[in-house]
PDB file of N, CA and C in Angstrom:
ATOM      1  N   UNK A   1       1.040  -1.054   0.051  1.00  0.00           N
ATOM      2  CA  UNK A   1       0.336   0.270  -0.017  1.00  0.00           C
ATOM      3  C   UNK A   1       0.682   1.326  -0.240  1.00  0.00           C
ATOM      4  N   UNK A   2       0.741   2.273  -0.739  1.00  0.00           N
ATOM      5  CA  UNK A   2       1.205   3.385  -1.171  1.00  0.00           C
ATOM      6  C   UNK A   2       0.929   4.398  -0.226  1.00  0.00           C
ATOM      7  N   UNK A   3       1.802   4.955   0.332  1.00  0.00           N
ATOM      8  CA  UNK A   3       1.403   6.232   1.355  1.00  0.00           C
ATOM      9  C   UNK A   3       1.465   7.346   0.759  1.00  0.00           C
ATOM     10  N   UNK A   4       0.506   8.053   0.834  1.00  0.00           N
ATOM     11  CA  UNK A   4       0.098   9.464   0.014  1.00  0.00           C
ATOM     12  C   UNK A   4       0.995  10.775   0.805  1.00  0.00           C
ATOM     13  N   UNK A   5       1.905  11.634   0.030  1.00  0.00           N
ATOM     14  CA  UNK A   5       2.613  12.653   0.574  1.00  0.00           C
ATOM     15  C   UNK A   5       1.478  13.693   1.120  1.00  0.00           C
ATOM     16  N   UNK A   6       1.885  14.842   1.868  1.00  0.00           N
ATOM     17  CA  UNK A   6       1.068  15.571   2.705  1.00  0.00           C
ATOM     18  C   UNK A   6       0.245  16.474   1.512  1.00  0.00           C
ATOM     19  N   UNK A   7       1.274  16.686   0.084  1.00  0.00           N
ATOM     20  CA  UNK A   7       1.044  17.433  -0.847  1.00  0.00           C
ATOM     21  C   UNK A   7      -0.494  16.465  -1.561  1.00  0.00           C
ATOM     22  N   UNK A   8      -0.233  15.187  -1.593  1.00  0.00           N
ATOM     23  CA  UNK A   8      -1.472  14.459  -2.913  1.00  0.00           C
ATOM     24  C   UNK A   8      -2.652  14.415  -1.486  1.00  0.00           C
ATOM     25  N   UNK A   9      -2.553  14.356  -0.293  1.00  0.00           N
ATOM     26  CA  UNK A   9      -3.649  14.264   0.728  1.00  0.00           C
ATOM     27  C   UNK A   9      -4.604  15.834   0.764  1.00  0.00           C
ATOM     28  N   UNK A  10      -3.613  17.003   0.640  1.00  0.00           N
ATOM     29  CA  UNK A  10      -4.192  18.223   0.687  1.00  0.00           C
ATOM     30  C   UNK A  10      -5.027  18.412  -0.737  1.00  0.00           C
ATOM     31  N   UNK A  11      -4.139  17.971  -1.775  1.00  0.00           N
ATOM     32  CA  UNK A  11      -5.036  18.144  -3.191  1.00  0.00           C
ATOM     33  C   UNK A  11      -6.170  17.309  -3.200  1.00  0.00           C
ATOM     34  N   UNK A  12      -6.257  16.120  -2.593  1.00  0.00           N
ATOM     35  CA  UNK A  12      -7.422  15.006  -2.749  1.00  0.00           C
ATOM     36  C   UNK A  12      -8.293  15.710  -1.574  1.00  0.00           C
ATOM     37  N   UNK A  13      -8.129  16.387  -0.605  1.00  0.00           N
ATOM     38  CA  UNK A  13      -9.028  17.307   0.332  1.00  0.00           C
ATOM     39  C   UNK A  13      -9.528  18.197  -0.415  1.00  0.00           C
ATOM     40  N   UNK A  14      -8.878  19.265  -1.478  1.00  0.00           N
ATOM     41  CA  UNK A  14      -9.551  20.230  -2.017  1.00  0.00           C
ATOM     42  C   UNK A  14     -10.142  19.856  -3.033  1.00  0.00           C
ATOM     43  N   UNK A  15      -9.794  18.757  -3.424  1.00  0.00           N
ATOM     44  CA  UNK A  15     -10.744  18.317  -4.521  1.00  0.00           C
ATOM     45  C   UNK A  15     -12.417  17.602  -4.183  1.00  0.00           C
ATOM     46  N   UNK A  16     -12.265  17.051  -2.838  1.00  0.00           N
ATOM     47  CA  UNK A  16     -13.502  16.457  -2.233  1.00  0.00           C
ATOM     48  C   UNK A  16     -14.363  17.936  -1.853  1.00  0.00           C
ATOM     49  N   UNK A  17     -13.796  18.881  -1.459  1.00  0.00           N
ATOM     50  CA  UNK A  17     -14.345  20.071  -0.757  1.00  0.00           C
ATOM     51  C   UNK A  17     -14.918  20.993  -2.444  1.00  0.00           C
ATOM     52  N   UNK A  18     -14.030  20.729  -3.201  1.00  0.00           N
ATOM     53  CA  UNK A  18     -14.596  21.558  -4.507  1.00  0.00           C
ATOM     54  C   UNK A  18     -15.736  20.671  -5.350  1.00  0.00           C
ATOM     55  N   UNK A  19     -15.738  18.968  -5.094  1.00  0.00           N
ATOM     56  CA  UNK A  19     -17.145  18.190  -5.631  1.00  0.00           C
ATOM     57  C   UNK A  19     -18.204  18.422  -4.773  1.00  0.00           C
ATOM     58  N   UNK A  20     -17.939  18.743  -3.508  1.00  0.00           N
ATOM     59  CA  UNK A  20     -19.296  19.086  -2.278  1.00  0.00           C
ATOM     60  C   UNK A  20     -19.926  20.330  -2.972  1.00  0.00           C
ATOM     61  N   UNK A  21     -19.199  21.169  -3.313  1.00  0.00           N
ATOM     62  CA  UNK A  21     -19.758  22.642  -3.581  1.00  0.00           C
ATOM     63  C   UNK A  21     -20.362  22.233  -4.799  1.00  0.00           C
ATOM     64  N   UNK A  22     -19.455  21.819  -5.997  1.00  0.00           N
ATOM     65  CA  UNK A  22     -20.232  21.547  -7.344  1.00  0.00           C
ATOM     66  C   UNK A  22     -21.629  20.425  -7.098  1.00  0.00           C
ATOM     67  N   UNK A  23     -21.512  19.817  -6.305  1.00  0.00           N
ATOM     68  CA  UNK A  23     -23.120  19.107  -6.186  1.00  0.00           C
ATOM     69  C   UNK A  23     -23.891  19.889  -5.316  1.00  0.00           C
ATOM     70  N   UNK A  24     -23.587  20.640  -4.385  1.00  0.00           N
ATOM     71  CA  UNK A  24     -24.366  21.491  -3.634  1.00  0.00           C
ATOM     72  C   UNK A  24     -25.144  22.509  -4.801  1.00  0.00           C
ATOM     73  N   UNK A  25     -24.326  23.038  -5.849  1.00  0.00           N
ATOM     74  CA  UNK A  25     -24.640  23.974  -6.981  1.00  0.00           C
ATOM     75  C   UNK A  25     -25.989  23.075  -7.723  1.00  0.00           C
ATOM     76  N   UNK A  26     -25.647  21.905  -8.009  1.00  0.00           N
ATOM     77  CA  UNK A  26     -26.311  21.041  -8.941  1.00  0.00           C
ATOM     78  C   UNK A  26     -27.569  20.794  -8.173  1.00  0.00           C
ATOM     79  N   UNK A  27     -27.760  20.648  -6.794  1.00  0.00           N
ATOM     80  CA  UNK A  27     -28.773  20.236  -6.136  1.00  0.00           C
ATOM     81  C   UNK A  27     -29.760  21.842  -6.356  1.00  0.00           C
ATOM     82  N   UNK A  28     -28.924  22.629  -6.186  1.00  0.00           N
ATOM     83  CA  UNK A  28     -29.909  24.016  -5.879  1.00  0.00           C
ATOM     84  C   UNK A  28     -30.473  24.423  -7.416  1.00  0.00           C
ATOM     85  N   UNK A  29     -29.749  24.278  -8.459  1.00  0.00           N
ATOM     86  CA  UNK A  29     -29.930  24.189  -9.986  1.00  0.00           C
ATOM     87  C   UNK A  29     -31.372  22.951 -10.045  1.00  0.00           C
ATOM     88  N   UNK A  30     -31.338  21.585  -9.418  1.00  0.00           N
ATOM     89  CA  UNK A  30     -32.416  20.694  -9.222  1.00  0.00           C
ATOM     90  C   UNK A  30     -33.621  21.447  -8.883  1.00  0.00           C
ATOM     91  N   UNK A  31     -33.332  22.138  -7.865  1.00  0.00           N
ATOM     92  CA  UNK A  31     -34.739  22.449  -7.013  1.00  0.00           C
ATOM     93  C   UNK A  31     -35.415  23.337  -7.785  1.00  0.00           C
ATOM     94  N   UNK A  32     -34.454  24.442  -8.652  1.00  0.00           N
ATOM     95  CA  UNK A  32     -34.928  25.481  -9.331  1.00  0.00           C
ATOM     96  C   UNK A  32     -35.696  25.067 -10.746  1.00  0.00           C
ATOM     97  N   UNK A  33     -35.099  23.672 -11.229  1.00  0.00           N
ATOM     98  CA  UNK A  33     -35.613  23.082 -12.446  1.00  0.00           C
ATOM     99  C   UNK A  33     -37.207  22.507 -12.141  1.00  0.00           C
ATOM    100  N   UNK A  34     -37.526  22.060 -10.843  1.00  0.00           N
ATOM    101  CA  UNK A  34     -38.392  21.430 -10.244  1.00  0.00           C
ATOM    102  C   UNK A  34     -39.453  22.477 -10.343  1.00  0.00           C
ATOM    103  N   UNK A  35     -39.225  23.672  -9.827  1.00  0.00           N
ATOM    104  CA  UNK A  35     -40.093  24.761  -9.472  1.00  0.00           C
ATOM    105  C   UNK A  35     -40.479  24.926 -11.349  1.00  0.00           C
ATOM    106  N   UNK A  36     -39.497  25.417 -12.108  1.00  0.00           N
ATOM    107  CA  UNK A  36     -39.664  25.724 -13.222  1.00  0.00           C
ATOM    108  C   UNK A  36     -40.420  25.051 -14.207  1.00  0.00           C
ATOM    109  N   UNK A  37     -40.253  23.760 -14.116  1.00  0.00           N
ATOM    110  CA  UNK A  37     -40.811  22.677 -14.423  1.00  0.00           C
ATOM    111  C   UNK A  37     -42.423  22.533 -14.132  1.00  0.00           C
ATOM    112  N   UNK A  38     -43.056  22.652 -12.669  1.00  0.00           N
ATOM    113  CA  UNK A  38     -44.186  22.498 -12.449  1.00  0.00           C
ATOM    114  C   UNK A  38     -44.842  23.963 -12.870  1.00  0.00           C
ATOM    115  N   UNK A  39     -43.767  24.884 -12.756  1.00  0.00           N
ATOM    116  CA  UNK A  39     -44.731  26.397 -13.072  1.00  0.00           C
ATOM    117  C   UNK A  39     -45.355  26.029 -14.791  1.00  0.00           C
ATOM    118  N   UNK A  40     -44.161  25.657 -15.185  1.00  0.00           N
ATOM    119  CA  UNK A  40     -44.737  24.954 -16.834  1.00  0.00           C
ATOM    120  C   UNK A  40     -46.203  24.377 -16.777  1.00  0.00           C
ATOM    121  N   UNK A  41     -45.917  23.102 -16.033  1.00  0.00           N
ATOM    122  CA  UNK A  41     -47.227  22.324 -16.219  1.00  0.00           C
ATOM    123  C   UNK A  41     -48.380  23.117 -15.967  1.00  0.00           C
ATOM    124  N   UNK A  42     -48.176  24.077 -15.110  1.00  0.00           N
ATOM    125  CA  UNK A  42     -49.450  24.556 -14.293  1.00  0.00           C
ATOM    126  C   UNK A  42     -50.152  25.914 -15.579  1.00  0.00           C
ATOM    127  N   UNK A  43     -48.989  26.401 -16.485  1.00  0.00           N
ATOM    128  CA  UNK A  43     -49.286  27.257 -17.595  1.00  0.00           C
ATOM    129  C   UNK A  43     -50.133  26.455 -18.612  1.00  0.00           C
ATOM    130  N   UNK A  44     -49.274  25.002 -18.941  1.00  0.00           N
ATOM    131  CA  UNK A  44     -49.779  24.185 -19.907  1.00  0.00           C
ATOM    132  C   UNK A  44     -51.172  23.980 -19.563  1.00  0.00           C
ATOM    133  N   UNK A  45     -51.211  23.721 -18.422  1.00  0.00           N
ATOM    134  CA  UNK A  45     -52.767  23.090 -18.014  1.00  0.00           C
ATOM    135  C   UNK A  45     -53.730  24.334 -18.318  1.00  0.00           C
ATOM    136  N   UNK A  46     -53.259  25.572 -18.010  1.00  0.00           N
ATOM    137  CA  UNK A  46     -54.090  26.635 -18.360  1.00  0.00           C
ATOM    138  C   UNK A  46     -54.242  26.676 -19.784  1.00  0.00           C
ATOM    139  N   UNK A  47     -53.340  26.730 -20.608  1.00  0.00           N
ATOM    140  CA  UNK A  47     -53.424  26.483 -21.905  1.00  0.00           C
ATOM    141  C   UNK A  47     -54.501  25.524 -22.389  1.00  0.00           C
ATOM    142  N   UNK A  48     -54.588  24.459 -21.682  1.00  0.00           N
ATOM    143  CA  UNK A  48     -55.469  23.150 -22.001  1.00  0.00           C
ATOM    144  C   UNK A  48     -56.424  23.569 -21.969  1.00  0.00           C
ATOM    145  N   UNK A  49     -57.054  23.937 -20.236  1.00  0.00           N
ATOM    146  CA  UNK A  49     -58.418  24.686 -20.250  1.00  0.00           C
ATOM    147  C   UNK A  49     -59.065  26.010 -21.335  1.00  0.00           C
ATOM    148  N   UNK A  50     -57.853  26.598 -21.800  1.00  0.00           N
ATOM    149  CA  UNK A  50     -58.563  27.395 -22.981  1.00  0.00           C
ATOM    150  C   UNK A  50     -58.915  26.938 -24.088  1.00  0.00           C
ATOM    151  N   UNK A  51     -58.315  26.002 -24.704  1.00  0.00           N
ATOM    152  CA  UNK A  51     -58.359  25.185 -25.655  1.00  0.00           C
ATOM    153  C   UNK A  51     -59.493  24.514 -25.664  1.00  0.00           C
ATOM    154  N   UNK A  52     -59.838  23.952 -24.604  1.00  0.00           N
ATOM    155  CA  UNK A  52     -61.039  23.523 -24.197  1.00  0.00           C
ATOM    156  C   UNK A  52     -62.349  24.223 -24.438  1.00  0.00           C
ATOM    157  N   UNK A  53     -62.184  25.513 -23.531  1.00  0.00           N
ATOM    158  CA  UNK A  53     -63.017  26.527 -23.617  1.00  0.00           C
ATOM    159  C   UNK A  53     -63.326  27.085 -24.966  1.00  0.00           C
ATOM    160  N   UNK A  54     -62.360  26.887 -26.034  1.00  0.00           N
ATOM    161  CA  UNK A  54     -62.441  27.741 -27.357  1.00  0.00           C
ATOM    162  C   UNK A  54     -63.094  26.227 -27.967  1.00  0.00           C
ATOM    163  N   UNK A  55     -63.367  25.088 -27.682  1.00  0.00           N
ATOM    164  CA  UNK A  55     -63.845  24.184 -28.725  1.00  0.00           C
ATOM    165  C   UNK A  55     -63.018  23.328 -29.398  1.00  0.00           C
ATOM    166  N   UNK A  56     -61.992  23.377 -28.711  1.00  0.00           N
ATOM    167  CA  UNK A  56     -60.964  22.190 -29.368  1.00  0.00           C
ATOM    168  C   UNK A  56     -60.986  21.261 -28.992  1.00  0.00           C
ATOM    169  N   UNK A  57     -60.797  20.294 -29.631  1.00  0.00           N
ATOM    170  CA  UNK A  57     -61.076  18.693 -29.004  1.00  0.00           C
ATOM    171  C   UNK A  57     -59.695  18.271 -28.673  1.00  0.00           C
ATOM    172  N   UNK A  58     -58.877  18.389 -29.648  1.00  0.00           N
ATOM    173  CA  UNK A  58     -57.568  17.973 -29.864  1.00  0.00           C
ATOM    174  C   UNK A  58     -56.594  18.365 -28.423  1.00  0.00           C
ATOM    175  N   UNK A  59     -56.045  17.281 -27.984  1.00  0.00           N
ATOM    176  CA  UNK A  59     -55.064  17.764 -26.983  1.00  0.00           C
ATOM    177  C   UNK A  59     -53.757  18.110 -27.144  1.00  0.00           C
ATOM    178  N   UNK A  60     -53.457  17.344 -28.308  1.00  0.00           N
ATOM    179  CA  UNK A  60     -51.862  17.552 -29.178  1.00  0.00           C
ATOM    180  C   UNK A  60     -52.131  18.609 -29.932  1.00  0.00           C
ATOM    181  N   UNK A  61     -51.136  19.175 -30.487  1.00  0.00           N
ATOM    182  CA  UNK A  61     -50.891  20.280 -30.969  1.00  0.00           C
ATOM    183  C   UNK A  61     -49.827  20.272 -31.771  1.00  0.00           C
ATOM    184  N   UNK A  62     -49.708  19.340 -32.670  1.00  0.00           N
ATOM    185  CA  UNK A  62     -48.400  19.176 -33.312  1.00  0.00           C
ATOM    186  C   UNK A  62     -47.743  20.454 -33.696  1.00  0.00           C
ATOM    187  N   UNK A  63     -48.747  21.558 -33.985  1.00  0.00           N
ATOM    188  CA  UNK A  63     -48.118  22.384 -34.890  1.00  0.00           C
ATOM    189  C   UNK A  63     -47.201  23.348 -33.853  1.00  0.00           C
ATOM    190  N   UNK A  64     -48.007  23.830 -32.817  1.00  0.00           N
ATOM    191  CA  UNK A  64     -46.993  24.439 -31.364  1.00  0.00           C
ATOM    192  C   UNK A  64     -46.319  23.368 -31.064  1.00  0.00           C
ATOM    193  N   UNK A  65     -46.040  22.133 -30.796  1.00  0.00           N
ATOM    194  CA  UNK A  65     -44.665  21.418 -30.347  1.00  0.00           C
ATOM    195  C   UNK A  65     -43.672  21.714 -31.006  1.00  0.00           C
ATOM    196  N   UNK A  66     -43.929  21.742 -32.602  1.00  0.00           N
ATOM    197  CA  UNK A  66     -42.684  21.963 -33.732  1.00  0.00           C
ATOM    198  C   UNK A  66     -42.153  23.307 -33.311  1.00  0.00           C
ATOM    199  N   UNK A  67     -42.962  24.178 -33.056  1.00  0.00           N
ATOM    200  CA  UNK A  67     -42.558  25.549 -32.743  1.00  0.00           C
ATOM    201  C   UNK A  67     -41.556  25.542 -31.665  1.00  0.00           C
ATOM    202  N   UNK A  68     -42.002  25.062 -30.394  1.00  0.00           N
ATOM    203  CA  UNK A  68     -41.273  25.100 -29.590  1.00  0.00           C
ATOM    204  C   UNK A  68     -40.089  24.264 -29.388  1.00  0.00           C
ATOM    205  N   UNK A  69     -40.117  23.171 -30.062  1.00  0.00           N
ATOM    206  CA  UNK A  69     -38.940  22.426 -30.173  1.00  0.00           C
ATOM    207  C   UNK A  69     -38.162  23.684 -31.349  1.00  0.00           C
ATOM    208  N   UNK A  70     -38.408  24.213 -32.362  1.00  0.00           N
ATOM    209  CA  UNK A  70     -37.430  24.823 -32.579  1.00  0.00           C
ATOM    210  C   UNK A  70     -37.200  26.167 -32.095  1.00  0.00           C
ATOM    211  N   UNK A  71     -37.642  26.704 -31.067  1.00  0.00           N
ATOM    212  CA  UNK A  71     -37.186  27.947 -30.459  1.00  0.00           C
ATOM    213  C   UNK A  71     -36.314  27.202 -29.380  1.00  0.00           C
ATOM    214  N   UNK A  72     -36.589  26.074 -29.013  1.00  0.00           N
ATOM    215  CA  UNK A  72     -35.594  25.161 -27.990  1.00  0.00           C
ATOM    216  C   UNK A  72     -34.177  25.219 -28.846  1.00  0.00           C
ATOM    217  N   UNK A  73     -34.394  24.263 -30.017  1.00  0.00           N
ATOM    218  CA  UNK A  73     -33.185  23.940 -30.648  1.00  0.00           C
ATOM    219  C   UNK A  73     -32.207  25.363 -30.937  1.00  0.00           C
ATOM    220  N   UNK A  74     -32.923  26.217 -31.326  1.00  0.00           N
ATOM    221  CA  UNK A  74     -31.937  28.007 -31.463  1.00  0.00           C
ATOM    222  C   UNK A  74     -31.517  28.557 -30.236  1.00  0.00           C
ATOM    223  N   UNK A  75     -32.210  27.916 -29.245  1.00  0.00           N
ATOM    224  CA  UNK A  75     -31.729  28.938 -27.916  1.00  0.00           C
ATOM    225  C   UNK A  75     -30.482  27.941 -27.485  1.00  0.00           C
ATOM    226  N   UNK A  76     -30.393  26.517 -27.844  1.00  0.00           N
ATOM    227  CA  UNK A  76     -29.446  25.664 -27.214  1.00  0.00           C
ATOM    228  C   UNK A  76     -27.660  26.148 -27.446  1.00  0.00           C
ATOM    229  N   UNK A  77     -27.002  26.518 -26.544  1.00  0.00           N
ATOM    230  CA  UNK A  77     -26.002  26.689 -27.308  1.00  0.00           C
ATOM    231  C   UNK A  77     -24.868  25.640 -26.605  1.00  0.00           C
ATOM    232  N   UNK A  78     -25.349  24.695 -25.921  1.00  0.00           N
ATOM    233  CA  UNK A  78     -24.817  23.709 -25.228  1.00  0.00           C
ATOM    234  C   UNK A  78     -24.152  23.795 -24.040  1.00  0.00           C
ATOM    235  N   UNK A  79     -23.536  22.801 -23.250  1.00  0.00           N
ATOM    236  CA  UNK A  79     -23.308  21.790 -23.791  1.00  0.00           C
ATOM    237  C   UNK A  79     -23.795  20.569 -24.174  1.00  0.00           C
ATOM    238  N   UNK A  80     -25.128  20.178 -23.869  1.00  0.00           N
ATOM    239  CA  UNK A  80     -26.382  19.739 -23.902  1.00  0.00           C
ATOM    240  C   UNK A  80     -26.362  19.011 -25.296  1.00  0.00           C
ATOM    241  N   UNK A  81     -26.556  17.952 -26.094  1.00  0.00           N
ATOM    242  CA  UNK A  81     -26.552  17.712 -27.232  1.00  0.00           C
ATOM    243  C   UNK A  81     -27.979  18.083 -27.379  1.00  0.00           C
ATOM    244  N   UNK A  82     -28.355  18.798 -28.818  1.00  0.00           N
ATOM    245  CA  UNK A  82     -29.585  19.073 -29.402  1.00  0.00           C
ATOM    246  C   UNK A  82     -30.459  17.773 -29.172  1.00  0.00           C
ATOM    247  N   UNK A  83     -29.962  16.625 -29.588  1.00  0.00           N
ATOM    248  CA  UNK A  83     -31.038  15.617 -29.658  1.00  0.00           C
ATOM    249  C   UNK A  83     -31.635  15.373 -28.193  1.00  0.00           C
ATOM    250  N   UNK A  84     -30.452  15.441 -27.346  1.00  0.00           N
ATOM    251  CA  UNK A  84     -30.790  15.028 -26.175  1.00  0.00           C
ATOM    252  C   UNK A  84     -31.930  15.854 -25.396  1.00  0.00           C
ATOM    253  N   UNK A  85     -31.453  17.541 -25.691  1.00  0.00           N
ATOM    254  CA  UNK A  85     -32.318  18.491 -25.183  1.00  0.00           C
ATOM    255  C   UNK A  85     -33.972  18.468 -25.731  1.00  0.00           C
ATOM    256  N   UNK A  86     -34.121  17.868 -26.942  1.00  0.00           N
ATOM    257  CA  UNK A  86     -35.236  17.652 -27.356  1.00  0.00           C
ATOM    258  C   UNK A  86     -36.207  16.577 -27.209  1.00  0.00           C
ATOM    259  N   UNK A  87     -35.524  15.479 -26.670  1.00  0.00           N
ATOM    260  CA  UNK A  87     -35.943  14.316 -25.948  1.00  0.00           C
ATOM    261  C   UNK A  87     -36.380  14.704 -25.005  1.00  0.00           C
ATOM    262  N   UNK A  88     -35.875  15.395 -24.016  1.00  0.00           N
ATOM    263  CA  UNK A  88     -36.627  16.154 -22.711  1.00  0.00           C
ATOM    264  C   UNK A  88     -37.630  16.666 -23.348  1.00  0.00           C
ATOM    265  N   UNK A  89     -37.793  17.757 -24.059  1.00  0.00           N
ATOM    266  CA  UNK A  89     -38.704  18.415 -24.055  1.00  0.00           C
ATOM    267  C   UNK A  89     -39.864  17.666 -24.951  1.00  0.00           C
ATOM    268  N   UNK A  90     -39.337  16.684 -25.608  1.00  0.00           N
ATOM    269  CA  UNK A  90     -40.652  15.668 -26.105  1.00  0.00           C
ATOM    270  C   UNK A  90     -41.155  14.900 -25.028  1.00  0.00           C
ATOM    271  N   UNK A  91     -40.403  14.816 -23.993  1.00  0.00           N
ATOM    272  CA  UNK A  91     -40.745  13.773 -22.638  1.00  0.00           C
ATOM    273  C   UNK A  91     -42.031  14.859 -21.929  1.00  0.00           C
ATOM    274  N   UNK A  92     -41.467  16.304 -21.788  1.00  0.00           N
ATOM    275  CA  UNK A  92     -42.236  17.245 -21.305  1.00  0.00           C
ATOM    276  C   UNK A  92     -43.487  17.397 -21.581  1.00  0.00           C
ATOM    277  N   UNK A  93     -43.427  17.300 -23.191  1.00  0.00           N
ATOM    278  CA  UNK A  93     -44.831  17.612 -24.022  1.00  0.00           C
ATOM    279  C   UNK A  93     -45.756  16.191 -23.748  1.00  0.00           C
ATOM    280  N   UNK A  94     -45.188  15.125 -23.360  1.00  0.00           N
ATOM    281  CA  UNK A  94     -46.096  14.422 -23.254  1.00  0.00           C
ATOM    282  C   UNK A  94     -46.589  14.136 -21.447  1.00  0.00           C
ATOM    283  N   UNK A  95     -45.870  14.225 -20.433  1.00  0.00           N
ATOM    284  CA  UNK A  95     -46.174  14.921 -19.242  1.00  0.00           C
ATOM    285  C   UNK A  95     -47.461  15.603 -19.346  1.00  0.00           C
ATOM    286  N   UNK A  96     -47.568  16.968 -20.082  1.00  0.00           N
ATOM    287  CA  UNK A  96     -48.499  17.892 -19.880  1.00  0.00           C
ATOM    288  C   UNK A  96     -49.490  17.248 -20.666  1.00  0.00           C
ATOM    289  N   UNK A  97     -49.700  16.814 -21.748  1.00  0.00           N
ATOM    290  CA  UNK A  97     -50.455  16.083 -22.378  1.00  0.00           C
ATOM    291  C   UNK A  97     -51.356  15.567 -21.568  1.00  0.00           C
ATOM    292  N   UNK A  98     -50.633  14.381 -20.652  1.00  0.00           N
ATOM    293  CA  UNK A  98     -51.272  13.725 -19.871  1.00  0.00           C
ATOM    294  C   UNK A  98     -52.099  14.590 -18.803  1.00  0.00           C
ATOM    295  N   UNK A  99     -51.476  15.638 -18.213  1.00  0.00           N
ATOM    296  CA  UNK A  99     -52.361  16.576 -17.256  1.00  0.00           C
ATOM    297  C   UNK A  99     -53.382  16.830 -17.890  1.00  0.00           C
ATOM    298  N   UNK A 100     -52.980  17.616 -19.186  1.00  0.00           N
ATOM    299  CA  UNK A 100     -54.677  18.134 -19.706  1.00  0.00           C
ATOM    300  C   UNK A 100     -55.564  17.338 -19.994  1.00  0.00           C
ATOM    301  N   UNK A 101     -54.938  15.536 -20.429  1.00  0.00           N
ATOM    302  CA  UNK A 101     -56.131  14.862 -20.758  1.00  0.00           C
ATOM    303  C   UNK A 101     -57.035  14.506 -19.365  1.00  0.00           C
ATOM    304  N   UNK A 102     -56.138  14.186 -18.185  1.00  0.00           N
ATOM    305  CA  UNK A 102     -56.792  14.401 -16.794  1.00  0.00           C
ATOM    306  C   UNK A 102     -57.572  15.251 -16.588  1.00  0.00           C
ATOM    307  N   UNK A 103     -57.281  16.796 -16.630  1.00  0.00           N
ATOM    308  CA  UNK A 103     -57.992  17.659 -16.519  1.00  0.00           C
ATOM    309  C   UNK A 103     -59.459  17.611 -17.154  1.00  0.00           C
ATOM    310  N   UNK A 104     -59.317  17.151 -18.415  1.00  0.00           N
ATOM    311  CA  UNK A 104     -60.452  17.258 -19.531  1.00  0.00           C
ATOM    312  C   UNK A 104     -61.587  15.783 -18.965  1.00  0.00           C
ATOM    313  N   UNK A 105     -60.558  14.967 -18.557  1.00  0.00           N
ATOM    314  CA  UNK A 105     -61.772  13.752 -18.014  1.00  0.00           C
ATOM    315  C   UNK A 105     -62.317  13.923 -16.752  1.00  0.00           C
ATOM    316  N   UNK A 106     -61.545  15.117 -16.105  1.00  0.00           N
ATOM    317  CA  UNK A 106     -62.273  15.563 -14.456  1.00  0.00           C
ATOM    318  C   UNK A 106     -63.357  16.594 -15.002  1.00  0.00           C
ATOM    319  N   UNK A 107     -63.157  17.528 -15.941  1.00  0.00           N
ATOM    320  CA  UNK A 107     -64.118  18.500 -16.386  1.00  0.00           C
ATOM    321  C   UNK A 107     -65.527  17.580 -17.014  1.00  0.00           C
ATOM    322  N   UNK A 108     -65.202  16.472 -17.746  1.00  0.00           N
ATOM    323  CA  UNK A 108     -66.488  15.705 -18.096  1.00  0.00           C
ATOM    324  C   UNK A 108     -67.260  15.218 -17.514  1.00  0.00           C
ATOM    325  N   UNK A 109     -66.277  14.777 -16.208  1.00  0.00           N
ATOM    326  CA  UNK A 109     -66.923  13.624 -15.080  1.00  0.00           C
ATOM    327  C   UNK A 109     -67.837  14.776 -14.117  1.00  0.00           C
ATOM    328  N   UNK A 110     -67.151  16.238 -14.153  1.00  0.00           N
ATOM    329  CA  UNK A 110     -67.767  16.856 -13.313  1.00  0.00           C
ATOM    330  C   UNK A 110     -69.013  17.696 -14.055  1.00  0.00           C
ATOM    331  N   UNK A 111     -69.187  17.652 -15.317  1.00  0.00           N
ATOM    332  CA  UNK A 111     -70.091  18.374 -15.948  1.00  0.00           C
ATOM    333  C   UNK A 111     -71.581  17.086 -16.185  1.00  0.00           C
ATOM    334  N   UNK A 112     -71.152  15.892 -15.918  1.00  0.00           N
ATOM    335  CA  UNK A 112     -71.883  14.937 -16.136  1.00  0.00           C
ATOM    336  C   UNK A 112     -72.494  14.555 -14.576  1.00  0.00           C
ATOM    337  N   UNK A 113     -72.174  15.319 -13.589  1.00  0.00           N
ATOM    338  CA  UNK A 113     -72.339  15.024 -12.328  1.00  0.00           C
ATOM    339  C   UNK A 113     -72.044  13.431 -11.741  1.00  0.00           C
ATOM    340  N   UNK A 114     -71.227  12.966 -12.392  1.00  0.00           N
ATOM    341  CA  UNK A 114     -70.346  11.792 -11.716  1.00  0.00           C
ATOM    342  C   UNK A 114     -69.376  11.947 -10.553  1.00  0.00           C
ATOM    343  N   UNK A 115     -69.165  13.534 -10.702  1.00  0.00           N
ATOM    344  CA  UNK A 115     -68.140  13.690  -9.773  1.00  0.00           C
ATOM    345  C   UNK A 115     -68.186  15.166  -9.039  1.00  0.00           C
ATOM    346  N   UNK A 116     -68.315  15.405  -7.841  1.00  0.00           N
ATOM    347  CA  UNK A 116     -68.437  16.455  -7.270  1.00  0.00           C
ATOM    348  C   UNK A 116     -67.370  17.661  -7.531  1.00  0.00           C
ATOM    349  N   UNK A 117     -67.420  18.941  -7.829  1.00  0.00           N
ATOM    350  CA  UNK A 117     -66.267  19.894  -8.357  1.00  0.00           C
ATOM    351  C   UNK A 117     -64.954  19.945  -7.449  1.00  0.00           C
ATOM    352  N   UNK A 118     -65.239  19.652  -6.426  1.00  0.00           N
ATOM    353  CA  UNK A 118     -64.008  19.697  -5.313  1.00  0.00           C
ATOM    354  C   UNK A 118     -63.276  18.293  -5.006  1.00  0.00           C
ATOM    355  N   UNK A 119     -63.866  17.111  -5.876  1.00  0.00           N
ATOM    356  CA  UNK A 119     -63.247  15.860  -5.396  1.00  0.00           C
ATOM    357  C   UNK A 119     -62.340  15.188  -7.009  1.00  0.00           C
ATOM    358  N   UNK A 120     -61.208  15.171  -6.095  1.00  0.00           N
ATOM    359  CA  UNK A 120     -60.376  14.690  -7.472  1.00  0.00           C
ATOM    360  C   UNK A 120     -60.324  13.279  -8.023  1.00  0.00           C
ATOM    361  N   UNK A 121     -60.407  13.055  -9.153  1.00  0.00           N
ATOM    362  CA  UNK A 121     -60.616  11.839  -9.897  1.00  0.00           C
ATOM    363  C   UNK A 121     -59.543  10.522  -9.370  1.00  0.00           C
ATOM    364  N   UNK A 122     -59.982   9.202  -9.169  1.00  0.00           N
ATOM    365  CA  UNK A 122     -59.055   8.449  -8.942  1.00  0.00           C
ATOM    366  C   UNK A 122     -58.362   8.160  -9.815  1.00  0.00           C
ATOM    367  N   UNK A 123     -57.006   7.842  -8.939  1.00  0.00           N
ATOM    368  CA  UNK A 123     -55.632   7.435 -10.014  1.00  0.00           C
ATOM    369  C   UNK A 123     -54.793   8.368 -10.241  1.00  0.00           C
TER     370      UNK A 123
END
């Protein structure tokens, strides 16, 4: 077993401190991302309610999704690869469409009298 020199120990300790600082920043960014993603989901739900009120039956709006993907692609300066970023956004679209579908199901169940207005649907 090789013993570390004092300089090697000091360098390892400095690297451990740096790693802890970097990880704390990642944790902070993760909290911010969660907040922003949930805010985006709430706004998307509002858009879904507006679409429904306007009589639009389709939940998915392929044209709008393409516009968003184009803007995201144009805004991406890296280092995240374009394909990965767009895949994240496509998954975000699926999640918000699922929220919108649940909201519409609840709206229909409430309108049909199957569900009181203040009771969440099962599931």
